[in-house]
């Protein structure tokens, strides 16, 4: 199952799409419409951004999300984008996600542990 749905044009082989495809959105968005290309509620009156917005953010930051990079994700929410960034920086890199809402920090940790225990 992919983190990108048919509404978002895939570009197989790009580092951003490879990262997004490696992180299943349904592990971070627990709604029936997890793969829709629009924001979805994640609790605490917060939403996970639409996949095209995550792709845009990752594409904008791609030059900085190189193997071995160190990244701080402020406002980690569900942990989806943090996990995509971690895929992009690889094992030699480090990504830390923070949020001012404690419940979202815990949500992010549990979501990431669901399929990416080594991150």
Protein backbone atom coordinates (compact mmCIF):
# COMPACT_ATOMS: atom_id res chain seq x y z
CA UNK A 1 0.00 0.00 0.00
CA UNK A 2 1.39 3.41 -0.85
CA UNK A 3 1.56 6.71 0.97
CA UNK A 4 0.51 8.43 -2.26
CA UNK A 5 -2.79 7.85 -4.01
CA UNK A 6 -3.83 7.98 -7.65
CA UNK A 7 -4.76 11.67 -7.34
CA UNK A 8 -1.06 12.56 -6.94
CA UNK A 9 1.13 11.94 -10.00
CA UNK A 10 3.91 9.52 -9.14
CA UNK A 11 7.39 10.04 -10.50
CA UNK A 12 8.97 6.65 -9.82
CA UNK A 13 12.61 6.87 -8.92
CA UNK A 14 12.54 10.38 -7.46
CA UNK A 15 13.92 10.57 -3.94
CA UNK A 16 10.76 12.31 -2.65
CA UNK A 17 8.33 9.80 -4.12
CA UNK A 18 10.53 6.91 -2.98
CA UNK A 19 10.43 8.28 0.57
CA UNK A 20 6.67 8.83 0.48
CA UNK A 21 6.08 5.36 -0.96
CA UNK A 22 8.20 3.86 1.84
CA UNK A 23 5.93 5.42 4.50
CA UNK A 24 2.33 4.18 4.48
CA UNK A 25 0.06 7.16 5.17
CA UNK A 26 -2.59 4.96 6.81
CA UNK A 27 -0.14 4.30 9.66
CA UNK A 28 -0.19 8.06 10.37
CA UNK A 29 -3.77 8.94 9.43
CA UNK A 30 -6.38 6.67 10.93
CA UNK A 31 -9.37 7.62 8.78
CA UNK A 32 -11.10 5.79 5.96
CA UNK A 33 -9.81 8.44 3.58
CA UNK A 34 -6.14 8.24 4.57
CA UNK A 35 -5.04 8.19 0.93
CA UNK A 36 -7.21 11.08 -0.27
CA UNK A 37 -5.27 14.12 -1.43
CA UNK A 38 -6.67 16.41 1.22
CA UNK A 39 -6.04 17.09 4.93
CA UNK A 40 -7.38 14.52 7.39
CA UNK A 41 -8.01 14.87 11.15
CA UNK A 42 -5.45 13.30 13.48
CA UNK A 43 -6.81 14.49 16.83
CA UNK A 44 -6.20 17.48 19.10
CA UNK A 45 -8.03 19.67 16.53
CA UNK A 46 -5.12 19.16 14.10
CA UNK A 47 -4.93 17.69 10.61
CA UNK A 48 -2.31 15.81 8.64
CA UNK A 49 -1.54 17.75 5.46
CA UNK A 50 -2.59 16.49 2.04
CA UNK A 51 -0.03 14.25 0.29
CA UNK A 52 0.66 16.87 -2.38
CA UNK A 53 1.64 19.32 0.37
CA UNK A 54 4.00 16.78 1.94
CA UNK A 55 5.53 16.19 -1.50
CA UNK A 56 5.94 19.94 -2.00
CA UNK A 57 7.61 20.35 1.40
CA UNK A 58 9.99 17.43 0.77
CA UNK A 59 10.82 18.68 -2.72
CA UNK A 60 11.52 22.17 -1.34
CA UNK A 61 13.82 20.73 1.34
CA UNK A 62 15.36 17.95 -0.75
CA UNK A 63 18.71 19.72 -1.10
CA UNK A 64 18.96 19.70 2.71
CA UNK A 65 17.57 16.18 3.24
CA UNK A 66 20.68 14.42 2.02
CA UNK A 67 22.14 11.22 3.48
CA UNK A 68 23.80 12.08 6.77
CA UNK A 69 21.89 15.34 7.32
CA UNK A 70 20.54 16.36 10.71
CA UNK A 71 16.97 17.73 10.70
CA UNK A 72 14.56 19.24 13.22
CA UNK A 73 10.87 18.92 12.27
CA UNK A 74 8.98 21.55 14.26
CA UNK A 75 5.30 20.63 14.53
CA UNK A 76 5.71 16.91 13.85
CA UNK A 77 1.98 16.16 14.21
CA UNK A 78 1.32 12.54 13.28
CA UNK A 79 4.99 11.90 12.43
CA UNK A 80 4.41 11.22 8.73
CA UNK A 81 6.63 13.97 7.34
CA UNK A 82 9.26 13.34 10.03
CA UNK A 83 9.40 9.69 8.97
CA UNK A 84 9.66 10.61 5.26
CA UNK A 85 12.54 12.94 6.13
CA UNK A 86 14.23 10.15 8.08
CA UNK A 87 14.01 7.88 5.04
CA UNK A 88 15.62 10.61 2.94
CA UNK A 89 18.54 11.29 5.33
CA UNK A 90 19.18 7.58 5.81
CA UNK A 91 20.85 5.71 8.64
CA UNK A 92 23.77 8.16 8.77
CA UNK A 93 21.36 11.07 9.32
CA UNK A 94 19.08 12.03 12.16
CA UNK A 95 15.62 13.59 12.24
CA UNK A 96 13.99 14.80 15.43
CA UNK A 97 10.32 15.77 15.48
CA UNK A 98 8.91 18.08 18.14
CA UNK A 99 5.43 19.40 18.82
CA UNK A 100 3.90 21.63 21.48
CA UNK A 101 0.99 19.20 21.86
CA UNK A 102 2.12 16.28 24.03
CA UNK A 103 -0.59 13.94 22.67
CA UNK A 104 0.75 14.49 19.14
CA UNK A 105 4.30 13.69 20.25
CA UNK A 106 3.03 10.39 21.64
CA UNK A 107 0.93 9.80 18.50
CA UNK A 108 3.97 10.46 16.32
CA UNK A 109 6.07 7.97 18.28
CA UNK A 110 3.45 5.22 18.15
CA UNK A 111 2.71 5.82 14.46
CA UNK A 112 6.38 5.64 13.56
CA UNK A 113 6.87 2.50 15.64
CA UNK A 114 4.04 0.82 13.71
CA UNK A 115 6.15 0.22 10.58
CA UNK A 116 9.49 1.98 11.12
CA UNK A 117 10.75 0.71 14.48
CA UNK A 118 14.40 1.34 13.57
CA UNK A 119 13.95 5.09 13.12
